[in-house]
Amino acid sequence: MKLYKHGVINENLLTSLKEKNHWMSKPENFNDPYEFQFKKVSNEELDEMEIDQDFIDNNPDVTDPMLLKKMVLKEYQNQIQNFGVTCFTENNRNMLMWAHYSNNHTGICLGFDVGANPKEHGYIKVRYAEEYPEINLSSIWNAEGLMKILTTKSIDWENEQEWRRINEDGNQLHPYGSNLVEVIFGCRATIENIEKVKAILAGQNIGFFQIVIESDNFNLGIKKI
């Protein structure tokens, strides 16, 4: 299976290609303010929540149990905002994604071989829903629950067929999770940018392609270059 990552051809991308890494952004930098949310927790639900003793010991001046529980939730929200996320798609011919994420078709789309089981390489499929995910207050730091928050988006985005890789340290560069095997240039990519990318990746087992405008339909064609 291959997953694809759109990008703009600039100095940052060229350096990333040389060093084989991705920029993983913190949630605050994403274009959808509805992401990385969870359902509001009622006071009744909070009342049933048990607080870890270490958290109590680290906040000796706070004696109100309800306030302590709200502080736990706040810390949870803050922790979510520190994660780094980078995004991929199953579909390399989505016209809207080429326009939005590859600089109006002047950019690039990188194809990675993620094998038969992408989860083994740290790729998590995005879940599309009409409601925010719920958190389990009995195991608030459970990894599965955190991943659900980090990989749930509004159903309005489901056409993107998105997958994600996640790291605890956001706004940093992190190594590829799998091999780069394919590079697709937008139909408006310049010869100069194409040659820059090909020079960086020369001698590697990578296929180079370009999107072409079809003569009689709105489909995105692809040709080998």
Protein backbone atom coordinates (compact mmCIF):
# COMPACT_ATOMS: atom_id res chain seq x y z
CA MET A 1 0.00 0.00 0.00
CA LYS A 2 1.13 3.55 -0.69
CA LEU A 3 0.26 6.71 1.18
CA TYR A 4 0.84 10.17 -0.23
CA LYS A 5 1.90 13.48 1.28
CA HIS A 6 1.25 16.77 -0.49
CA GLY A 7 3.65 19.68 -0.21
CA VAL A 8 4.95 22.96 -1.57
CA ILE A 9 8.30 22.93 -3.36
CA ASN A 10 10.47 25.30 -1.32
CA GLU A 11 13.77 25.24 0.55
CA ASN A 12 12.22 23.52 3.57
CA LEU A 13 10.88 20.69 1.44
CA LEU A 14 14.15 20.29 -0.47
CA THR A 15 16.05 20.03 2.83
CA SER A 16 13.53 17.48 4.13
CA LEU A 17 14.03 15.38 1.00
CA LYS A 18 17.79 15.41 1.57
CA GLU A 19 17.47 14.47 5.23
CA LYS A 20 14.47 12.13 4.84
CA ASN A 21 12.28 13.71 7.46
CA HIS A 22 8.83 15.26 7.95
CA TRP A 23 7.73 18.34 9.82
CA MET A 24 5.18 17.33 12.47
CA SER A 25 2.96 20.28 13.37
CA LYS A 26 1.27 20.97 16.67
CA PRO A 27 -2.55 21.10 16.59
CA GLU A 28 -2.56 24.90 16.87
CA ASN A 29 -1.11 25.11 13.36
CA PHE A 30 -3.84 23.06 11.67
CA ASN A 31 -6.41 24.74 9.44
CA ASP A 32 -9.43 23.16 11.16
CA PRO A 33 -10.19 24.63 14.64
CA TYR A 34 -12.66 21.78 15.31
CA GLU A 35 -9.89 19.18 15.37
CA PHE A 36 -8.30 17.70 18.51
CA GLN A 37 -11.44 18.24 20.58
CA PHE A 38 -13.34 15.91 22.88
CA LYS A 39 -16.86 15.98 24.24
CA LYS A 40 -17.47 18.30 27.16
CA VAL A 41 -17.33 16.53 30.51
CA SER A 42 -20.17 17.28 32.93
CA ASN A 43 -19.63 17.98 36.63
CA GLU A 44 -21.52 14.76 37.38
CA GLU A 45 -19.03 12.80 35.27
CA LEU A 46 -16.10 14.62 36.86
CA ASP A 47 -17.43 13.80 40.29
CA GLU A 48 -16.92 10.08 39.53
CA MET A 49 -13.36 10.60 38.32
CA GLU A 50 -10.47 9.31 40.41
CA ILE A 51 -7.33 11.44 40.62
CA ASP A 52 -3.86 9.94 40.43
CA GLN A 53 -2.07 10.30 43.76
CA ASP A 54 1.02 11.74 42.10
CA PHE A 55 -1.08 14.60 40.72
CA ILE A 56 -2.47 15.30 44.19
CA ASP A 57 1.04 15.25 45.69
CA ASN A 58 2.30 17.65 43.01
CA ASN A 59 -0.45 20.16 43.85
CA PRO A 60 -0.45 20.27 47.68
CA ASP A 61 -2.04 23.74 47.82
CA VAL A 62 -5.19 22.60 46.00
CA THR A 63 -7.59 20.92 48.40
CA ASP A 64 -10.84 21.14 46.43
CA PRO A 65 -11.30 17.72 44.68
CA MET A 66 -13.42 19.20 41.88
CA LEU A 67 -10.81 21.85 41.15
CA LEU A 68 -8.12 19.17 41.04
CA LYS A 69 -10.15 17.17 38.53
CA LYS A 70 -10.63 20.23 36.33
CA MET A 71 -6.88 20.79 36.50
CA VAL A 72 -6.33 17.22 35.29
CA LEU A 73 -8.60 17.90 32.31
CA LYS A 74 -6.73 21.13 31.57
CA GLU A 75 -3.40 19.32 31.65
CA TYR A 76 -4.85 16.68 29.34
CA GLN A 77 -5.89 19.36 26.85
CA ASN A 78 -2.45 20.96 27.07
CA GLN A 79 -0.75 17.63 26.44
CA ILE A 80 -2.83 17.07 23.31
CA GLN A 81 -1.67 20.45 22.01
CA ASN A 82 1.98 19.40 22.32
CA PHE A 83 1.75 16.41 19.99
CA GLY A 84 3.17 16.55 16.49
CA VAL A 85 1.08 15.34 13.56
CA THR A 86 1.87 14.87 9.88
CA CYS A 87 -0.78 13.94 7.32
CA PHE A 88 -1.06 11.59 4.36
CA THR A 89 -3.76 10.49 1.93
CA GLU A 90 -4.66 7.29 0.10
CA ASN A 91 -5.59 9.24 -3.03
CA ASN A 92 -2.96 10.96 -5.18
CA ARG A 93 -5.52 12.33 -7.64
CA ASN A 94 -7.75 14.45 -5.42
CA MET A 95 -8.10 17.75 -7.27
CA LEU A 96 -8.98 19.78 -4.17
CA MET A 97 -5.97 18.49 -2.26
CA TRP A 98 -3.67 19.39 -5.14
CA ALA A 99 -5.11 22.90 -5.05
CA HIS A 100 -5.06 23.35 -1.26
CA TYR A 101 -1.93 21.50 -0.15
CA SER A 102 0.29 21.57 -3.23
CA ASN A 103 0.13 25.30 -3.91
CA ASN A 104 -2.44 25.38 -6.70
CA HIS A 105 -0.96 22.37 -8.52
CA THR A 106 2.59 23.83 -8.59
CA GLY A 107 3.78 21.56 -5.78
CA ILE A 108 4.49 17.93 -5.15
CA CYS A 109 3.00 14.71 -3.81
CA LEU A 110 5.34 12.18 -2.17
CA GLY A 111 4.42 8.49 -2.24
CA PHE A 112 5.54 6.18 0.59
CA ASP A 113 5.48 2.40 0.63
CA VAL A 114 3.74 1.61 3.92
CA GLY A 115 3.33 -2.12 3.35
CA ALA A 116 0.26 -4.25 3.89
CA ASN A 117 -0.18 -3.03 7.47
CA PRO A 118 0.52 0.72 7.74
CA LYS A 119 0.02 0.63 11.53
CA GLU A 120 3.28 -1.30 11.82
CA HIS A 121 5.02 1.82 10.51
CA GLY A 122 3.13 4.20 12.80
CA TYR A 123 0.40 5.27 10.36
CA ILE A 124 -3.07 5.68 11.84
CA LYS A 125 -6.20 5.99 9.72
CA VAL A 126 -8.31 9.07 10.41
CA ARG A 127 -11.83 8.47 11.70
CA TYR A 128 -14.55 10.77 10.35
CA ALA A 129 -17.51 11.49 12.61
CA GLU A 130 -20.35 13.91 13.29
CA GLU A 131 -19.49 14.27 16.99
CA TYR A 132 -16.35 14.80 19.04
CA PRO A 133 -14.86 11.65 20.59
CA GLU A 134 -15.54 10.92 24.25
CA ILE A 135 -12.79 10.49 26.80
CA ASN A 136 -12.72 7.70 29.36
CA LEU A 137 -12.23 9.40 32.71
CA SER A 138 -11.31 6.12 34.37
CA SER A 139 -8.19 5.87 32.17
CA ILE A 140 -7.73 9.39 30.87
CA TRP A 141 -4.11 8.90 29.75
CA ASN A 142 -4.88 5.71 27.85
CA ALA A 143 -2.96 5.75 24.55
CA GLU A 144 -5.93 4.50 22.52
CA GLY A 145 -8.10 7.33 23.83
CA LEU A 146 -5.45 9.93 23.04
CA MET A 147 -5.05 8.59 19.51
CA LYS A 148 -8.81 8.78 18.97
CA ILE A 149 -8.72 12.50 19.77
CA LEU A 150 -5.68 13.06 17.56
CA THR A 151 -7.17 11.20 14.59
CA THR A 152 -10.86 12.16 14.56
CA LYS A 153 -12.14 14.78 12.12
CA SER A 154 -15.49 16.09 10.97
CA ILE A 155 -17.23 13.96 8.37
CA ASP A 156 -16.99 16.98 6.03
CA TRP A 157 -13.32 16.07 5.48
CA GLU A 158 -13.79 12.40 4.59
CA ASN A 159 -12.99 12.96 0.89
CA GLU A 160 -9.34 13.40 1.95
CA GLN A 161 -9.00 9.71 2.95
CA GLU A 162 -6.42 10.74 5.51
CA TRP A 163 -3.84 8.83 7.56
CA ARG A 164 -1.54 10.32 10.18
CA ARG A 165 1.76 9.77 11.92
CA ILE A 166 2.01 11.17 15.43
CA ASN A 167 4.87 12.02 17.77
CA GLU A 168 4.86 13.36 21.32
CA ASP A 169 7.10 16.28 20.27
CA GLY A 170 5.32 18.71 17.97
CA ASN A 171 6.70 21.47 15.73
CA GLN A 172 9.81 19.40 15.02
CA LEU A 173 11.30 17.35 12.23
CA HIS A 174 11.03 13.55 12.53
CA PRO A 175 12.39 10.77 10.29
CA TYR A 176 10.27 9.11 7.61
CA GLY A 177 8.27 6.14 8.82
CA SER A 178 8.74 4.24 5.55
CA ASN A 179 10.55 4.44 2.22
CA LEU A 180 9.86 7.18 -0.31
CA VAL A 181 9.18 5.36 -3.60
CA GLU A 182 7.28 7.83 -5.76
CA VAL A 183 7.29 11.56 -6.51
CA ILE A 184 4.43 13.20 -8.39
CA PHE A 185 4.70 16.80 -9.56
CA GLY A 186 1.70 19.04 -10.08
CA CYS A 187 0.61 19.95 -13.58
CA ARG A 188 1.90 23.51 -12.97
CA ALA A 189 5.25 22.53 -11.45
CA THR A 190 8.14 24.36 -13.11
CA ILE A 191 10.93 22.57 -14.95
CA GLU A 192 13.38 24.22 -12.55
CA ASN A 193 11.67 22.77 -9.46
CA ILE A 194 11.30 19.35 -11.07
CA GLU A 195 15.01 19.23 -11.83
CA LYS A 196 15.93 20.37 -8.28
CA VAL A 197 13.92 17.54 -6.74
CA LYS A 198 15.19 14.92 -9.20
CA ALA A 199 18.79 15.96 -8.53
CA ILE A 200 18.37 15.53 -4.77
CA LEU A 201 16.81 12.08 -5.18
CA ALA A 202 19.09 10.86 -7.99
CA GLY A 203 20.33 7.29 -7.68
CA GLN A 204 17.49 6.19 -5.42
CA ASN A 205 14.81 3.70 -6.40
CA ILE A 206 12.12 6.34 -6.85
CA GLY A 207 9.64 6.80 -9.70
CA PHE A 208 8.98 10.31 -11.02
CA PHE A 209 5.60 11.32 -12.42
CA GLN A 210 3.59 14.41 -13.24
CA ILE A 211 -0.11 15.22 -13.21
CA VAL A 212 -1.50 16.02 -16.67
CA ILE A 213 -4.71 17.79 -17.66
CA GLU A 214 -6.94 15.44 -19.64
CA SER A 215 -8.38 16.60 -22.97
CA ASP A 216 -12.03 15.69 -22.38
CA ASN A 217 -12.74 15.23 -18.64
CA PHE A 218 -11.91 16.52 -15.15
CA ASN A 219 -9.85 13.48 -14.12
CA LEU A 220 -6.23 13.97 -13.10
CA GLY A 221 -4.01 12.00 -15.43
CA ILE A 222 -0.49 10.91 -14.48
CA LYS A 223 2.50 10.45 -16.79
CA LYS A 224 5.98 9.09 -16.04
CA ILE A 225 8.77 11.62 -16.51
